[in-house]
C-alpha atoms as a PDB file:
ATOM      1  CA  UNK A   1      53.015 -72.734 -29.405  1.00  0.00           C
ATOM      2  CA  UNK A   2      53.850 -69.163 -29.124  1.00  0.00           C
ATOM      3  CA  UNK A   3      52.716 -68.065 -32.546  1.00  0.00           C
ATOM      4  CA  UNK A   4      48.612 -69.075 -32.154  1.00  0.00           C
ATOM      5  CA  UNK A   5      49.505 -66.754 -28.852  1.00  0.00           C
ATOM      6  CA  UNK A   6      50.786 -64.244 -31.270  1.00  0.00           C
ATOM      7  CA  UNK A   7      47.841 -64.358 -33.502  1.00  0.00           C
ATOM      8  CA  UNK A   8      45.236 -64.647 -30.792  1.00  0.00           C
ATOM      9  CA  UNK A   9      47.039 -61.531 -29.181  1.00  0.00           C
ATOM     10  CA  UNK A  10      46.490 -59.665 -32.446  1.00  0.00           C
ATOM     11  CA  UNK A  11      43.042 -59.969 -32.228  1.00  0.00           C
ATOM     12  CA  UNK A  12      42.797 -59.324 -29.144  1.00  0.00           C
ATOM     13  CA  UNK A  13      43.547 -56.166 -29.662  1.00  0.00           C
ATOM     14  CA  UNK A  14      42.072 -55.686 -32.386  1.00  0.00           C
ATOM     15  CA  UNK A  15      39.032 -55.891 -31.158  1.00  0.00           C
ATOM     16  CA  UNK A  16      40.451 -53.918 -28.026  1.00  0.00           C
ATOM     17  CA  UNK A  17      40.523 -51.129 -30.457  1.00  0.00           C
ATOM     18  CA  UNK A  18      37.275 -51.587 -31.908  1.00  0.00           C
ATOM     19  CA  UNK A  19      35.917 -51.099 -28.402  1.00  0.00           C
ATOM     20  CA  UNK A  20      38.355 -48.506 -27.740  1.00  0.00           C
ATOM     21  CA  UNK A  21      36.574 -46.671 -30.958  1.00  0.00           C
ATOM     22  CA  UNK A  22      33.190 -47.794 -30.240  1.00  0.00           C
ATOM     23  CA  UNK A  23      33.625 -46.478 -26.962  1.00  0.00           C
ATOM     24  CA  UNK A  24      35.086 -43.577 -27.862  1.00  0.00           C
ATOM     25  CA  UNK A  25      32.345 -42.941 -30.231  1.00  0.00           C
ATOM     26  CA  UNK A  26      29.272 -44.081 -27.117  1.00  0.00           C
ATOM     27  CA  UNK A  27      31.671 -41.282 -24.534  1.00  0.00           C
ATOM     28  CA  UNK A  28      31.792 -38.035 -27.415  1.00  0.00           C
ATOM     29  CA  UNK A  29      27.630 -38.744 -28.297  1.00  0.00           C
ATOM     30  CA  UNK A  30      26.768 -39.325 -24.681  1.00  0.00           C
ATOM     31  CA  UNK A  31      28.876 -35.826 -23.365  1.00  0.00           C
ATOM     32  CA  UNK A  32      26.961 -33.708 -25.941  1.00  0.00           C
ATOM     33  CA  UNK A  33      23.968 -34.858 -25.162  1.00  0.00           C
ATOM     34  CA  UNK A  34      24.872 -34.106 -21.460  1.00  0.00           C
ATOM     35  CA  UNK A  35      26.308 -30.432 -22.757  1.00  0.00           C
ATOM     36  CA  UNK A  36      22.925 -30.029 -25.195  1.00  0.00           C
ATOM     37  CA  UNK A  37      20.984 -30.940 -22.123  1.00  0.00           C
ATOM     38  CA  UNK A  38      23.160 -29.366 -19.827  1.00  0.00           C
ATOM     39  CA  UNK A  39      22.684 -25.564 -22.353  1.00  0.00           C
ATOM     40  CA  UNK A  40      18.714 -26.626 -22.142  1.00  0.00           C
ATOM     41  CA  UNK A  41      18.422 -26.662 -18.709  1.00  0.00           C
ATOM     42  CA  UNK A  42      20.254 -23.667 -17.042  1.00  0.00           C
ATOM     43  CA  UNK A  43      18.119 -21.215 -20.657  1.00  0.00           C
ATOM     44  CA  UNK A  44      15.617 -23.253 -18.691  1.00  0.00           C
ATOM     45  CA  UNK A  45      16.464 -21.621 -15.636  1.00  0.00           C
ATOM     46  CA  UNK A  46      17.169 -18.828 -16.680  1.00  0.00           C
ATOM     47  CA  UNK A  47      13.790 -18.229 -18.569  1.00  0.00           C
ATOM     48  CA  UNK A  48      11.952 -19.027 -15.027  1.00  0.00           C
ATOM     49  CA  UNK A  49      14.083 -16.425 -13.025  1.00  0.00           C
ATOM     50  CA  UNK A  50      13.409 -13.769 -15.826  1.00  0.00           C
ATOM     51  CA  UNK A  51       9.776 -14.677 -15.211  1.00  0.00           C
ATOM     52  CA  UNK A  52       9.208 -15.322 -12.125  1.00  0.00           C
ATOM     53  CA  UNK A  53      11.417 -12.021 -11.863  1.00  0.00           C
ATOM     54  CA  UNK A  54       8.825 -10.528 -14.263  1.00  0.00           C
ATOM     55  CA  UNK A  55       6.082 -12.154 -12.187  1.00  0.00           C
ATOM     56  CA  UNK A  56       7.255 -10.015  -9.265  1.00  0.00           C
ATOM     57  CA  UNK A  57       7.107  -7.094 -10.348  1.00  0.00           C
ATOM     58  CA  UNK A  58       3.428  -7.006 -10.958  1.00  0.00           C
ATOM     59  CA  UNK A  59       2.467  -8.510  -8.767  1.00  0.00           C
ATOM     60  CA  UNK A  60       4.006  -5.650  -6.933  1.00  0.00           C
ATOM     61  CA  UNK A  61       2.722  -3.086  -9.529  1.00  0.00           C
ATOM     62  CA  UNK A  62      -0.863  -4.616  -9.393  1.00  0.00           C
ATOM     63  CA  UNK A  63      -0.878  -4.187  -5.142  1.00  0.00           C
ATOM     64  CA  UNK A  64       0.203  -0.377  -5.859  1.00  0.00           C
ATOM     65  CA  UNK A  65      -3.021  -0.181  -8.164  1.00  0.00           C
ATOM     66  CA  UNK A  66      -4.902  -1.650  -5.191  1.00  0.00           C
ATOM     67  CA  UNK A  67      -3.117   1.273  -2.371  1.00  0.00           C
ATOM     68  CA  UNK A  68      -3.361   3.356  -5.153  1.00  0.00           C
ATOM     69  CA  UNK A  69      -7.310   2.487  -5.589  1.00  0.00           C
ATOM     70  CA  UNK A  70      -7.841   2.563  -2.347  1.00  0.00           C
ATOM     71  CA  UNK A  71      -6.396   5.916  -1.666  1.00  0.00           C
ATOM     72  CA  UNK A  72      -8.346   7.907  -4.292  1.00  0.00           C
ATOM     73  CA  UNK A  73     -12.335   5.702  -2.911  1.00  0.00           C
ATOM     74  CA  UNK A  74     -11.293   7.424   0.262  1.00  0.00           C
ATOM     75  CA  UNK A  75     -10.549  10.055  -0.853  1.00  0.00           C
ATOM     76  CA  UNK A  76     -13.635  10.815  -3.300  1.00  0.00           C
ATOM     77  CA  UNK A  77     -16.129   9.070  -0.435  1.00  0.00           C
ATOM     78  CA  UNK A  78     -13.873  12.123   1.467  1.00  0.00           C
ATOM     79  CA  UNK A  79     -14.752  14.460  -0.386  1.00  0.00           C
ATOM     80  CA  UNK A  80     -18.894  13.596  -1.091  1.00  0.00           C
ATOM     81  CA  UNK A  81     -18.606  13.762   2.725  1.00  0.00           C
ATOM     82  CA  UNK A  82     -17.580  17.159   2.538  1.00  0.00           C
ATOM     83  CA  UNK A  83     -20.035  17.670  -0.130  1.00  0.00           C
ATOM     84  CA  UNK A  84     -22.900  17.205   2.053  1.00  0.00           C
ATOM     85  CA  UNK A  85     -21.083  18.437   4.859  1.00  0.00           C
ATOM     86  CA  UNK A  86     -21.738  21.550   2.635  1.00  0.00           C
ATOM     87  CA  UNK A  87     -25.165  21.493   1.240  1.00  0.00           C
ATOM     88  CA  UNK A  88     -26.351  20.711   5.346  1.00  0.00           C
ATOM     89  CA  UNK A  89     -25.037  23.714   6.503  1.00  0.00           C
ATOM     90  CA  UNK A  90     -25.850  24.855   3.422  1.00  0.00           C
ATOM     91  CA  UNK A  91     -29.910  24.430   3.933  1.00  0.00           C
ATOM     92  CA  UNK A  92     -29.634  25.114   7.422  1.00  0.00           C
ATOM     93  CA  UNK A  93     -28.693  28.655   6.285  1.00  0.00           C
ATOM     94  CA  UNK A  94     -30.728  28.765   4.723  1.00  0.00           C
ATOM     95  CA  UNK A  95     -33.794  27.521   7.002  1.00  0.00           C
ATOM     96  CA  UNK A  96     -32.661  30.258   9.285  1.00  0.00           C
ATOM     97  CA  UNK A  97     -32.627  32.818   6.647  1.00  0.00           C
ATOM     98  CA  UNK A  98     -36.526  33.177   8.044  1.00  0.00           C
ATOM     99  CA  UNK A  99     -36.736  33.447  11.545  1.00  0.00           C
ATOM    100  CA  UNK A 100     -34.326  35.495  11.681  1.00  0.00           C
ATOM    101  CA  UNK A 101     -35.098  38.021   8.636  1.00  0.00           C
ATOM    102  CA  UNK A 102     -38.964  37.445  10.699  1.00  0.00           C
ATOM    103  CA  UNK A 103     -36.259  38.721  14.234  1.00  0.00           C
ATOM    104  CA  UNK A 104     -35.561  41.056  12.620  1.00  0.00           C
ATOM    105  CA  UNK A 105     -38.813  42.718  10.913  1.00  0.00           C
ATOM    106  CA  UNK A 106     -40.294  42.427  14.904  1.00  0.00           C
ATOM    107  CA  UNK A 107     -36.568  44.206  16.232  1.00  0.00           C
ATOM    108  CA  UNK A 108     -37.124  47.070  13.599  1.00  0.00           C
ATOM    109  CA  UNK A 109     -40.662  47.755  15.093  1.00  0.00           C
ATOM    110  CA  UNK A 110     -40.075  47.549  18.626  1.00  0.00           C
ATOM    111  CA  UNK A 111     -42.002  44.353  18.755  1.00  0.00           C
ATOM    112  CA  UNK A 112     -38.983  42.397  20.610  1.00  0.00           C
ATOM    113  CA  UNK A 113     -37.517  43.786  23.577  1.00  0.00           C
ATOM    114  CA  UNK A 114     -33.206  44.548  23.409  1.00  0.00           C
ATOM    115  CA  UNK A 115     -31.663  43.126  26.782  1.00  0.00           C
ATOM    116  CA  UNK A 116     -28.411  44.685  26.560  1.00  0.00           C
ATOM    117  CA  UNK A 117     -28.394  45.837  30.432  1.00  0.00           C
ATOM    118  CA  UNK A 118     -29.224  42.246  31.244  1.00  0.00           C
ATOM    119  CA  UNK A 119     -26.829  40.646  28.397  1.00  0.00           C
ATOM    120  CA  UNK A 120     -23.824  43.489  30.046  1.00  0.00           C
ATOM    121  CA  UNK A 121     -24.815  42.456  33.956  1.00  0.00           C
ATOM    122  CA  UNK A 122     -24.619  39.119  32.853  1.00  0.00           C
ATOM    123  CA  UNK A 123     -21.245  39.201  30.964  1.00  0.00           C
ATOM    124  CA  UNK A 124     -19.095  41.379  34.642  1.00  0.00           C
ATOM    125  CA  UNK A 125     -20.824  38.708  36.164  1.00  0.00           C
ATOM    126  CA  UNK A 126     -19.338  36.413  34.698  1.00  0.00           C
ATOM    127  CA  UNK A 127     -16.154  37.956  34.368  1.00  0.00           C
ATOM    128  CA  UNK A 128     -16.359  38.278  38.468  1.00  0.00           C
ATOM    129  CA  UNK A 129     -17.649  34.670  38.588  1.00  0.00           C
ATOM    130  CA  UNK A 130     -13.873  33.638  36.507  1.00  0.00           C
ATOM    131  CA  UNK A 131     -12.067  36.073  38.866  1.00  0.00           C
ATOM    132  CA  UNK A 132     -12.649  34.349  42.053  1.00  0.00           C
ATOM    133  CA  UNK A 133     -12.237  31.239  40.710  1.00  0.00           C
ATOM    134  CA  UNK A 134      -8.449  32.493  39.358  1.00  0.00           C
ATOM    135  CA  UNK A 135      -7.920  33.296  42.916  1.00  0.00           C
ATOM    136  CA  UNK A 136      -9.691  30.244  44.700  1.00  0.00           C
ATOM    137  CA  UNK A 137      -7.226  28.285  42.028  1.00  0.00           C
ATOM    138  CA  UNK A 138      -4.174  30.820  42.965  1.00  0.00           C
ATOM    139  CA  UNK A 139      -4.324  29.986  47.311  1.00  0.00           C
ATOM    140  CA  UNK A 140      -4.978  26.714  46.663  1.00  0.00           C
ATOM    141  CA  UNK A 141      -1.892  26.065  44.072  1.00  0.00           C
ATOM    142  CA  UNK A 142       0.075  27.795  47.689  1.00  0.00           C
ATOM    143  CA  UNK A 143      -0.846  26.458  50.289  1.00  0.00           C
ATOM    144  CA  UNK A 144       0.012  22.967  48.779  1.00  0.00           C
END
């Protein structure tokens, strides 16, 4: 009566051994697949991080170039304005040369009288008024 039980136990142990070997083989394959996927994920994450850094660097470069472009455009506009002002100044200077030459010619002919005496009188009156205002300001400051 024990003999059949022992045989059955031996058979069960063989089945268990086979199942354990299959399980170990399947587990090893599973672990290798997990490692392979883990390495793949790490590689992908590394690539993504690297690409993101490259993208950020290119974006920084883009914004820097845009800012430099705006600065250069501003400089160009300023240069064009200054050239425009220079040409305008030169044109006005040329326009004034004609009347200036005419006045000098009239002055040499005696057609225009010099008013130096009036100018000197006006200059001294202005100097006197300035002194008077300075004195008035000084009196007001000391009175307060």
